[in-house]
Structure formats: C-alpha cells, structure tokens
N, C-alpha and C. Protein backbone atom coordinates (compact mmCIF):
# COMPACT_ATOMS: atom_id res chain seq x y z
N MET A 1 -18.06 -6.48 2.87
CA MET A 1 -16.90 -5.91 2.27
C MET A 1 -16.69 -4.63 2.61
N ILE A 2 -15.53 -4.41 2.90
CA ILE A 2 -15.36 -2.74 3.60
C ILE A 2 -14.54 -2.33 1.80
N THR A 3 -14.29 -0.82 2.01
CA THR A 3 -14.30 0.30 1.19
C THR A 3 -13.84 1.16 1.72
N VAL A 4 -12.76 1.40 1.21
CA VAL A 4 -11.98 3.25 1.42
C VAL A 4 -11.25 3.41 0.20
N ARG A 5 -11.24 4.90 0.62
CA ARG A 5 -10.80 6.00 -0.75
C ARG A 5 -9.35 6.76 -0.13
N GLU A 6 -8.85 6.53 -1.54
CA GLU A 6 -7.61 6.75 -1.11
C GLU A 6 -7.27 7.88 -2.59
N LEU A 7 -7.19 9.07 -2.07
CA LEU A 7 -7.28 9.67 -3.40
C LEU A 7 -8.34 9.20 -4.48
N ASP A 8 -7.69 9.67 -5.90
CA ASP A 8 -9.17 8.82 -6.59
C ASP A 8 -9.01 6.95 -7.14
N LEU A 9 -8.34 6.90 -5.73
CA LEU A 9 -9.48 5.25 -5.73
C LEU A 9 -10.19 5.01 -4.87
N GLU A 10 -10.97 3.66 -5.21
CA GLU A 10 -11.73 3.05 -4.48
C GLU A 10 -11.68 1.94 -3.92
N ILE A 11 -10.97 1.48 -3.21
CA ILE A 11 -10.25 -0.46 -2.78
C ILE A 11 -11.30 -0.66 -1.72
N SER A 12 -12.00 -2.10 -2.18
CA SER A 12 -12.70 -2.92 -1.28
C SER A 12 -11.69 -4.39 -0.90
N PHE A 13 -11.64 -4.68 -0.05
CA PHE A 13 -11.53 -5.70 0.94
C PHE A 13 -11.92 -6.82 1.51
N ALA A 14 -12.15 -8.13 0.32
CA ALA A 14 -13.48 -8.81 1.02
C ALA A 14 -12.95 -9.56 1.71
N GLY A 15 -13.94 -9.73 2.91
CA GLY A 15 -13.38 -11.05 4.00
C GLY A 15 -13.29 -9.90 5.06
N ALA A 16 -12.39 -8.59 4.99
CA ALA A 16 -11.32 -8.18 6.12
C ALA A 16 -12.43 -7.95 7.51
N THR A 17 -11.78 -8.02 8.49
CA THR A 17 -12.98 -8.38 9.41
C THR A 17 -12.46 -5.95 9.98
N ALA A 18 -11.72 -5.30 9.55
CA ALA A 18 -11.54 -4.16 9.87
C ALA A 18 -11.01 -3.54 8.79
N VAL A 19 -11.00 -2.76 8.39
CA VAL A 19 -9.62 -1.80 7.56
C VAL A 19 -9.42 -0.59 8.51
N ILE A 20 -8.16 -0.24 9.03
CA ILE A 20 -7.89 1.01 9.68
C ILE A 20 -7.05 2.10 8.11
N ASN A 21 -7.30 3.82 9.26
CA ASN A 21 -6.93 4.30 7.86
C ASN A 21 -6.34 5.01 8.90
N PHE A 22 -4.33 3.80 8.52
CA PHE A 22 -3.41 4.06 9.49
C PHE A 22 -2.82 5.20 9.63
N ASP A 23 -2.80 5.92 8.21
CA ASP A 23 -2.44 7.28 8.38
C ASP A 23 -2.76 8.76 8.78
N ASP A 24 -3.67 8.33 8.77
CA ASP A 24 -4.25 9.74 9.58
C ASP A 24 -3.93 10.14 10.97
N ALA A 25 -3.43 11.40 10.37
CA ALA A 25 -2.93 12.01 11.87
C ALA A 25 -3.45 12.21 13.16
N GLN A 26 -4.61 12.43 13.09
CA GLN A 26 -5.78 12.14 14.72
C GLN A 26 -5.79 10.72 15.27
N TYR A 27 -5.23 9.70 14.28
CA TYR A 27 -5.66 9.06 15.09
C TYR A 27 -3.74 8.64 15.89
N HIS A 28 -2.64 9.29 15.54
CA HIS A 28 -1.25 9.42 15.65
C HIS A 28 -0.83 10.27 16.90
N SER A 29 -1.58 10.75 16.86
CA SER A 29 -1.62 12.01 16.90
C SER A 29 -0.02 13.08 16.80
N PRO A 30 0.09 13.82 16.85
CA PRO A 30 1.42 14.41 16.29
C PRO A 30 2.92 13.65 16.62
N ASN A 31 3.55 13.25 15.52
CA ASN A 31 4.44 12.64 16.24
C ASN A 31 5.15 11.84 14.41
N THR A 32 6.16 11.71 14.74
CA THR A 32 7.13 11.65 13.04
C THR A 32 7.17 9.98 12.84
N ILE A 33 6.10 9.25 13.16
CA ILE A 33 6.11 8.39 13.23
C ILE A 33 5.81 7.61 11.46
N LYS A 34 6.87 7.10 10.78
CA LYS A 34 6.07 7.36 8.97
C LYS A 34 4.94 5.47 9.48
N ARG A 35 4.02 6.11 8.60
CA ARG A 35 2.88 4.30 8.33
C ARG A 35 2.60 4.32 6.85
N VAL A 36 1.69 2.76 6.88
CA VAL A 36 1.27 2.11 5.87
C VAL A 36 0.24 3.61 5.86
N ASP A 37 -0.65 3.92 4.36
CA ASP A 37 -2.19 4.09 4.96
C ASP A 37 -2.86 3.80 5.13
N PHE A 38 -3.35 1.96 5.13
CA PHE A 38 -4.15 1.16 5.43
C PHE A 38 -3.25 -0.38 6.14
N ILE A 39 -4.30 -0.35 7.24
CA ILE A 39 -4.31 -1.49 7.69
C ILE A 39 -5.32 -2.68 7.44
N ALA A 40 -5.58 -3.90 6.11
CA ALA A 40 -6.87 -4.85 6.29
C ALA A 40 -6.26 -5.86 7.25
N GLU A 41 -8.12 -5.53 8.55
CA GLU A 41 -6.83 -6.75 9.35
C GLU A 41 -8.66 -8.09 8.99
N TYR A 42 -7.57 -9.26 8.71
CA TYR A 42 -8.01 -10.53 8.78
C TYR A 42 -7.47 -11.38 9.81
N ASP A 43 -8.98 -12.41 9.99
CA ASP A 43 -8.38 -13.38 11.16
C ASP A 43 -7.07 -13.79 11.09
N ASP A 44 -6.27 -13.63 10.44
CA ASP A 44 -5.01 -14.82 9.72
C ASP A 44 -4.66 -14.02 9.67
N ARG A 45 -4.17 -12.86 9.17
CA ARG A 45 -2.92 -12.05 8.75
C ARG A 45 -3.47 -10.14 8.59
N ASP A 46 -3.07 -9.83 8.77
CA ASP A 46 -2.82 -8.42 8.25
C ASP A 46 -2.66 -7.64 7.21
N ILE A 47 -3.08 -7.36 5.65
CA ILE A 47 -2.12 -6.46 4.58
C ILE A 47 -2.30 -5.24 5.20
N PHE A 48 -0.90 -4.96 5.49
CA PHE A 48 -0.75 -3.25 5.55
C PHE A 48 -0.69 -2.80 3.92
N VAL A 49 -1.33 -1.54 3.22
CA VAL A 49 -1.06 -1.63 1.81
C VAL A 49 -0.94 0.43 2.27
N GLU A 50 0.25 0.61 1.18
CA GLU A 50 0.18 1.23 0.93
C GLU A 50 0.54 1.79 -0.65
N ILE A 51 -0.30 2.94 -0.87
CA ILE A 51 -0.91 3.71 -2.25
C ILE A 51 -0.17 4.98 -2.88
N LYS A 52 0.96 4.46 -3.80
CA LYS A 52 0.69 5.66 -4.54
C LYS A 52 0.47 5.78 -6.23
N ASP A 53 -1.09 7.10 -6.23
CA ASP A 53 -1.06 6.93 -7.54
C ASP A 53 -0.99 8.15 -8.61
N LEU A 54 0.23 7.89 -8.94
CA LEU A 54 0.11 9.10 -10.12
C LEU A 54 -0.11 9.06 -10.87
N ASP A 55 -1.84 8.33 -11.24
CA ASP A 55 -2.45 8.16 -12.76
C ASP A 55 -3.88 9.41 -11.62
N ILE A 56 -3.55 9.85 -11.06
CA ILE A 56 -4.47 11.17 -10.41
C ILE A 56 -4.58 12.00 -12.01
N PRO A 57 -5.91 12.00 -12.00
CA PRO A 57 -6.10 13.53 -13.10
C PRO A 57 -6.01 14.52 -12.08
N ASN A 58 -4.26 15.24 -13.24
CA ASN A 58 -3.67 16.40 -13.04
C ASN A 58 -2.33 15.86 -12.12
N PRO A 59 -1.97 14.78 -11.78
CA PRO A 59 -1.16 14.78 -10.44
C PRO A 59 -0.15 15.87 -10.45
N GLN A 60 1.26 16.22 -9.67
CA GLN A 60 1.59 16.73 -9.25
C GLN A 60 2.89 16.15 -8.97
N ASN A 61 3.77 17.19 -9.38
CA ASN A 61 5.23 16.53 -9.16
C ASN A 61 5.65 15.69 -9.51
N ILE A 62 5.29 15.19 -10.70
CA ILE A 62 6.02 13.57 -11.40
C ILE A 62 7.49 13.21 -11.14
N ASP A 63 7.98 14.29 -11.59
CA ASP A 63 9.77 14.04 -12.21
C ASP A 63 10.19 14.46 -10.78
N GLY A 64 9.84 15.25 -9.09
CA GLY A 64 10.45 14.00 -7.77
C GLY A 64 10.24 12.75 -8.01
N PHE A 65 8.62 12.44 -7.88
CA PHE A 65 8.55 11.01 -7.42
C PHE A 65 9.63 10.36 -8.36
N LEU A 66 9.34 10.21 -9.90
CA LEU A 66 10.62 9.43 -10.28
C LEU A 66 11.72 9.50 -10.03
N ASN A 67 12.55 10.96 -9.57
CA ASN A 67 13.86 10.83 -9.16
C ASN A 67 14.12 10.13 -8.18
N LYS A 68 13.06 10.11 -6.88
CA LYS A 68 12.63 9.61 -5.90
C LYS A 68 13.05 7.87 -5.53
N LEU A 69 12.20 7.60 -7.11
CA LEU A 69 12.00 6.15 -7.48
C LEU A 69 12.91 5.53 -8.22
N GLY A 70 13.55 6.29 -8.80
CA GLY A 70 15.19 6.37 -9.41
C GLY A 70 16.14 5.72 -8.57
N SER A 71 16.19 6.98 -7.28
CA SER A 71 17.42 7.49 -6.91
C SER A 71 17.36 6.55 -5.64
N GLY A 72 16.27 5.53 -5.08
CA GLY A 72 16.50 4.75 -3.94
C GLY A 72 16.03 5.45 -2.81
N VAL A 73 15.37 6.84 -2.87
CA VAL A 73 14.55 6.78 -1.59
C VAL A 73 12.99 6.84 -1.70
N LEU A 74 12.40 6.80 -2.58
CA LEU A 74 11.04 5.45 -2.65
C LEU A 74 10.94 4.38 -1.47
N VAL A 75 11.37 3.43 -1.91
CA VAL A 75 12.42 2.26 -1.31
C VAL A 75 12.28 2.93 -0.23
N GLN A 76 13.23 3.75 0.50
CA GLN A 76 13.91 3.79 1.78
C GLN A 76 12.62 3.83 2.89
N ASN A 77 11.82 5.04 1.53
CA ASN A 77 10.50 5.88 2.62
C ASN A 77 9.71 4.53 2.67
N LEU A 78 9.50 3.74 1.33
CA LEU A 78 8.41 2.53 1.82
C LEU A 78 8.45 1.43 2.83
N ALA A 79 10.63 1.46 2.96
CA ALA A 79 10.44 0.34 4.15
C ALA A 79 10.30 0.98 5.64
N GLY A 80 10.75 2.27 5.55
CA GLY A 80 10.42 2.67 6.54
C GLY A 80 9.24 2.93 7.17
N LYS A 81 8.35 3.49 6.23
CA LYS A 81 6.75 3.23 6.42
C LYS A 81 6.62 1.91 7.67
N PHE A 82 6.88 0.23 6.61
CA PHE A 82 6.24 -0.74 7.28
C PHE A 82 6.89 -1.04 8.38
N ARG A 83 8.34 -0.46 8.57
CA ARG A 83 9.25 -0.28 9.52
C ARG A 83 8.53 -0.29 11.49
N ASP A 84 8.45 1.07 10.61
CA ASP A 84 7.48 1.88 11.71
C ASP A 84 6.15 2.14 12.42
N THR A 85 5.14 1.40 11.46
CA THR A 85 3.64 0.71 11.46
C THR A 85 4.02 -1.06 11.79
N VAL A 86 5.21 -1.67 11.71
CA VAL A 86 5.32 -2.95 12.68
C VAL A 86 6.06 -2.63 14.13
N PHE A 87 6.60 -1.47 13.95
CA PHE A 87 6.80 -1.06 15.51
C PHE A 87 5.63 -0.59 16.12
N PHE A 88 4.65 0.47 16.02
CA PHE A 88 3.65 0.37 16.66
C PHE A 88 2.91 -0.45 16.68
N ARG A 89 3.02 -1.00 15.81
CA ARG A 89 1.67 -3.02 15.97
C ARG A 89 2.02 -3.46 16.93
N THR A 90 3.40 -3.26 17.48
CA THR A 90 4.37 -4.32 18.34
C THR A 90 3.85 -4.25 19.36
N ALA A 91 4.16 -2.43 19.90
CA ALA A 91 4.15 -1.90 21.13
C ALA A 91 3.10 -1.27 21.51
N GLN A 92 2.20 -1.45 20.52
CA GLN A 92 0.26 -1.69 20.95
C GLN A 92 0.16 -2.61 21.23
N GLY A 93 0.78 -4.30 21.27
CA GLY A 93 0.42 -5.51 21.07
C GLY A 93 -0.72 -6.41 20.19
N ILE A 94 0.04 -5.95 19.06
CA ILE A 94 -1.00 -6.48 17.67
C ILE A 94 0.11 -6.73 17.05
N THR A 95 0.56 -8.86 17.54
CA THR A 95 1.87 -9.41 16.58
C THR A 95 1.28 -10.67 16.59
N ASP A 96 -0.53 -11.19 16.68
CA ASP A 96 -0.60 -12.34 16.59
C ASP A 96 -0.70 -12.91 15.31
N ARG A 97 -0.94 -12.23 15.10
CA ARG A 97 -1.34 -12.18 12.14
C ARG A 97 0.09 -12.56 11.61
N SER A 98 -0.14 -13.30 11.08
CA SER A 98 0.96 -12.39 9.95
C SER A 98 0.86 -10.76 9.09
N ILE A 99 2.10 -10.75 8.54
CA ILE A 99 1.63 -9.48 7.97
C ILE A 99 2.32 -9.69 6.11
N VAL A 100 0.89 -8.81 5.42
CA VAL A 100 1.68 -9.31 3.19
C VAL A 100 1.56 -7.11 3.50
N TYR A 101 2.51 -6.74 2.86
CA TYR A 101 2.86 -5.63 2.37
C TYR A 101 2.13 -5.48 0.84
N VAL A 102 1.74 -4.35 0.74
CA VAL A 102 1.41 -4.60 -0.57
C VAL A 102 1.83 -2.87 -0.43
N VAL A 103 2.88 -2.75 -1.78
CA VAL A 103 2.65 -1.60 -2.18
C VAL A 103 1.82 -1.06 -3.56
N LEU A 104 0.41 0.00 -3.80
CA LEU A 104 -0.80 -0.52 -5.40
C LEU A 104 0.49 0.73 -5.68
N LEU A 105 1.27 0.95 -6.53
CA LEU A 105 1.57 1.77 -7.31
C LEU A 105 1.56 1.76 -8.49
N SER A 106 0.32 2.90 -8.75
CA SER A 106 -0.82 3.15 -9.63
C SER A 106 0.12 4.47 -10.69
N MET A 107 0.70 3.79 -12.02
CA MET A 107 1.51 4.71 -12.69
C MET A 107 2.03 4.31 -13.93
N GLN A 108 0.95 4.43 -14.94
CA GLN A 108 1.03 3.34 -16.50
C GLN A 108 2.42 3.40 -16.59
N SER A 109 2.95 4.34 -17.20
CA SER A 109 4.06 4.96 -17.45
C SER A 109 5.42 3.73 -17.48
N LEU A 110 5.14 2.89 -16.05
CA LEU A 110 6.17 2.24 -15.25
C LEU A 110 6.20 0.75 -16.14
N ASP A 111 7.38 0.78 -16.19
CA ASP A 111 7.66 -0.95 -16.62
C ASP A 111 7.50 -2.01 -15.25
N VAL A 112 7.07 -2.70 -15.86
CA VAL A 112 6.85 -4.23 -14.94
C VAL A 112 8.06 -4.23 -14.48
N ALA A 113 9.31 -4.19 -15.56
CA ALA A 113 10.22 -5.34 -14.44
C ALA A 113 11.62 -4.11 -13.32
N LEU A 114 10.62 -2.68 -13.79
CA LEU A 114 10.75 -2.13 -13.26
C LEU A 114 10.67 -2.74 -11.41
N LEU A 115 9.29 -2.01 -11.77
CA LEU A 115 8.53 -2.78 -10.23
C LEU A 115 8.82 -4.31 -9.63
N LEU A 116 10.07 -5.21 -10.42
CA LEU A 116 9.91 -5.80 -9.72
C LEU A 116 11.31 -6.10 -9.02
N ASN A 117 11.83 -5.70 -10.01
CA ASN A 117 13.69 -5.09 -8.81
C ASN A 117 13.23 -3.98 -8.16
N LYS A 118 12.49 -3.33 -8.13
CA LYS A 118 11.80 -1.69 -6.63
C LYS A 118 11.41 -2.86 -5.73
N GLN A 119 10.81 -4.20 -6.45
CA GLN A 119 10.08 -4.92 -5.36
C GLN A 119 11.22 -5.43 -4.11
N ASP A 120 12.26 -5.83 -5.62
CA ASP A 120 13.37 -6.80 -4.64
C ASP A 120 14.73 -5.80 -3.74
N GLN A 121 14.28 -4.88 -3.69
CA GLN A 121 14.29 -3.36 -3.28
C GLN A 121 14.30 -3.49 -2.01
N LEU A 122 13.58 -3.66 -1.95
CA LEU A 122 12.42 -3.17 -1.16
C LEU A 122 12.39 -4.64 0.17
N LYS A 123 12.00 -5.58 -0.39
CA LYS A 123 12.24 -6.61 0.65
C LYS A 123 13.43 -6.25 1.51
N LYS A 124 14.67 -5.66 0.37
CA LYS A 124 15.76 -5.69 0.99
C LYS A 124 16.18 -4.86 1.92
N SER A 125 15.37 -3.87 1.47
CA SER A 125 15.87 -2.66 3.14
C SER A 125 14.62 -3.02 3.88
N ILE A 126 13.74 -3.87 4.15
CA ILE A 126 12.96 -3.90 5.53
C ILE A 126 13.87 -4.25 5.92
N PRO A 127 14.87 -5.61 5.65
CA PRO A 127 14.19 -7.45 5.91
C PRO A 127 13.22 -7.36 6.09
N ILE A 128 12.40 -8.75 5.54
CA ILE A 128 11.35 -9.42 5.35
C ILE A 128 11.99 -10.76 6.54
N ARG A 129 13.32 -11.04 6.55
CA ARG A 129 13.38 -12.23 7.36
C ARG A 129 15.06 -12.18 7.68
N HIS A 130 15.56 -12.92 9.34
CA HIS A 130 16.84 -12.89 9.44
C HIS A 130 16.79 -13.71 10.04
N LEU A 131 18.08 -14.44 10.79
CA LEU A 131 18.92 -15.26 10.80
C LEU A 131 17.94 -15.39 12.19
N ASP A 132 18.10 -14.01 13.23
CA ASP A 132 18.40 -14.40 14.36
C ASP A 132 16.78 -14.49 14.78
N TRP A 133 16.39 -13.37 13.92
CA TRP A 133 14.42 -13.77 14.21
C TRP A 133 13.61 -15.07 14.24
N THR A 134 13.06 -15.09 15.49
CA THR A 134 11.67 -16.12 15.71
C THR A 134 11.04 -16.16 14.75
N ARG A 135 10.72 -14.88 13.57
CA ARG A 135 9.52 -15.80 12.62
C ARG A 135 9.93 -14.03 11.31
N ASP A 136 9.84 -14.39 10.49
CA ASP A 136 9.54 -13.49 9.70
C ASP A 136 8.95 -12.52 9.95
N CYS A 137 8.79 -10.94 9.92
CA CYS A 137 8.73 -9.69 9.99
C CYS A 137 7.13 -9.81 9.13
N ALA A 138 7.14 -10.14 7.96
CA ALA A 138 5.87 -10.49 7.48
C ALA A 138 6.05 -11.68 6.04
N THR A 139 5.16 -12.52 6.00
CA THR A 139 4.90 -13.41 4.98
C THR A 139 4.83 -13.63 4.07
N SER A 140 4.98 -12.02 2.73
CA SER A 140 5.06 -11.54 1.52
C SER A 140 5.05 -10.13 1.60
N CYS A 141 5.96 -9.00 0.64
CA CYS A 141 6.16 -8.21 0.22
C CYS A 141 5.64 -7.60 -1.09
N VAL A 142 4.93 -6.71 -1.81
CA VAL A 142 4.98 -6.91 -3.22
C VAL A 142 4.43 -5.29 -3.00
N ILE A 143 5.11 -5.03 -5.10
CA ILE A 143 4.80 -3.79 -5.33
C ILE A 143 4.24 -4.15 -6.67
N LEU A 144 2.52 -3.31 -6.54
CA LEU A 144 1.69 -4.38 -7.82
C LEU A 144 1.32 -2.72 -8.27
N ASN A 145 1.29 -2.32 -9.87
CA ASN A 145 0.33 -2.27 -10.75
C ASN A 145 -0.87 -1.86 -10.22
N LEU A 146 -1.71 -1.06 -11.40
CA LEU A 146 -3.16 -1.04 -10.66
C LEU A 146 -3.54 -2.58 -11.17
N GLU A 147 -3.59 -3.02 -12.88
CA GLU A 147 -3.55 -4.35 -13.55
C GLU A 147 -3.22 -5.44 -12.24
N GLN A 148 -2.42 -5.11 -12.44
CA GLN A 148 -1.76 -6.65 -11.27
C GLN A 148 -2.49 -6.72 -9.73
N TRP A 149 -2.82 -5.82 -8.90
CA TRP A 149 -3.91 -5.74 -7.46
C TRP A 149 -4.76 -6.23 -8.44
N LYS A 150 -5.49 -5.36 -9.48
CA LYS A 150 -6.70 -6.33 -9.75
C LYS A 150 -6.71 -8.13 -10.05
N ARG A 151 -5.78 -8.34 -10.54
CA ARG A 151 -6.03 -9.55 -11.11
C ARG A 151 -5.45 -10.61 -9.45
N GLN A 152 -4.66 -9.72 -8.80
CA GLN A 152 -4.67 -10.70 -7.31
C GLN A 152 -5.62 -10.68 -6.79
N PHE A 153 -6.45 -9.15 -6.60
CA PHE A 153 -7.51 -9.18 -5.01
C PHE A 153 -9.13 -9.14 -6.04
N GLY A 154 -9.07 -9.29 -7.01
CA GLY A 154 -9.80 -8.93 -8.30
C GLY A 154 -10.52 -8.28 -8.51
N VAL A 155 -11.26 -8.30 -9.65
CA VAL A 155 -11.29 -7.44 -10.36
C VAL A 155 -11.82 -5.73 -9.90
N GLN A 156 -13.63 -5.91 -8.70
CA GLN A 156 -13.85 -5.02 -8.41
C GLN A 156 -13.48 -5.07 -7.48
N SER A 157 -12.35 -4.91 -6.95
CA SER A 157 -11.31 -5.09 -6.03
C SER A 157 -10.60 -3.60 -5.70
N VAL A 158 -10.81 -2.94 -6.91
CA VAL A 158 -9.81 -0.90 -6.81
C VAL A 158 -10.63 -0.74 -8.26
N ARG A 159 -11.25 0.76 -8.10
CA ARG A 159 -11.88 1.14 -8.93
C ARG A 159 -11.65 2.57 -9.15
N ARG A 160 -10.81 3.33 -10.36
CA ARG A 160 -10.38 5.13 -10.23
C ARG A 160 -11.97 5.67 -10.61
N ILE A 161 -12.14 6.41 -9.21
CA ILE A 161 -13.47 7.60 -9.16
C ILE A 161 -13.61 8.16 -10.18
N SER A 162 -12.61 8.71 -11.28
CA SER A 162 -12.88 9.89 -12.01
C SER A 162 -12.92 8.61 -12.96
N GLU A 163 -13.56 7.78 -13.44
CA GLU A 163 -13.46 7.23 -14.82
C GLU A 163 -15.34 6.88 -14.74
N GLU A 164 -15.58 7.19 -13.45
CA GLU A 164 -17.06 6.22 -13.48
C GLU A 164 -18.18 7.62 -14.19
N PRO A 165 -19.10 6.96 -14.81
CA PRO A 165 -19.88 9.09 -15.46
C PRO A 165 -20.83 8.92 -13.98
N ALA A 166 -20.88 10.01 -14.17
CA ALA A 166 -21.98 11.07 -13.81
C ALA A 166 -22.71 10.74 -13.13
N VAL A 167 -22.85 10.24 -12.19
CA VAL A 167 -24.80 9.55 -11.88
C VAL A 167 -25.60 11.07 -12.75
N GLY A 168 -26.40 10.49 -13.43
CA GLY A 168 -27.69 11.20 -12.77
C GLY A 168 -27.47 11.97 -14.85
N HIS A 169 -25.83 11.02 -15.21
CA HIS A 169 -26.16 11.87 -17.04
C HIS A 169 -25.85 10.36 -18.09
N LEU A 170 -27.20 11.13 -17.89
CA LEU A 170 -27.43 10.39 -20.16
C LEU A 170 -26.35 10.11 -21.20
N GLU A 171 -26.08 8.92 -21.81
CA GLU A 171 -25.46 9.16 -22.62
C GLU A 171 -26.54 9.46 -24.25
N ALA A 172 -26.08 10.06 -25.21
CA ALA A 172 -27.20 9.75 -26.15
C ALA A 172 -26.58 8.54 -28.07
C-alpha cells in the first residue's frame, strides 16, 4: 500500500504499483501545464486524483471556492487539469492503461446532489468520449466527498491527520 499526503489528508492506494505526486513543480519545471495532484498507477489503469479539501482546520477563502463552484470556473479548472495531464502522459508515451479521474471534494456542507451535478458538468467539459476517437479518454470520472471516497476505496484509504490524537498523549 502506498500512502501520500495532501494538506490534512493522508490517502492510501491499495494495490498501486506507484503513486506520482504529479503536482510537484520540480517534476515539471516551470511551465503553465495544469495537473492533477496524484497519479496512482496500477497494472491495468491509472487513477488521476485531484483533491480539494475545504474541511481542513482553518480553511482559507471558502467564499472564493464557493463562487468558483457556483460559476462553473471550478469545473473548467478540473477539466483543464485532466486534459493537460492526459496530454503530458501521452507525450511521455504512457497511454497503455485506462484512466479513472477522481476528484475528492471534502466539504461537509456540500449537498450530494450538487456533487452529482458538478460531476455531470465535468464529464461534459472534459469530454470523456467522442465519436471520432478510437477509445474513451477515461473509463470513469467522479467527484466524491470524503464519505463516498471511503465507501469506494475503503474506510482505511483516507484519514484526516488533524483528527488523530497526539502521540504520547493519554486520555484520563
């Protein structure tokens, strides 16, 4: 199991052969490519993971995020990250596995129906398939909240670091 950290979340990928921190600026050198946070590589597929965590302790600019979400700017940004990442991987010659795009949107106050609506918009914005393509650019594209992520990938697949008790601290 490979485990990575993004802000206040620790995410484990069971069965992955590698997990690339794809949003690492040193990996890409200075450029304007938009990129997903992580790519989990498996024998038969790659999972592109983008994380938006508004449930972190002391989140910044929640109103700005909600404006982007409501206006469609967030969906366009997520679609751009997917497309640029696919472009980069294609230029690398890494196109032999199917792709699953998962956006983890951790914000307890968001309604599940809104997440589904944004997921539908994201699928249209990418797009996932086209009549002229020999194969779909992704087999799946989902936006999940934290509980949905746990149901999909397992309860132990994600944990909030700030909710862990301090090491060496005993409760009376």
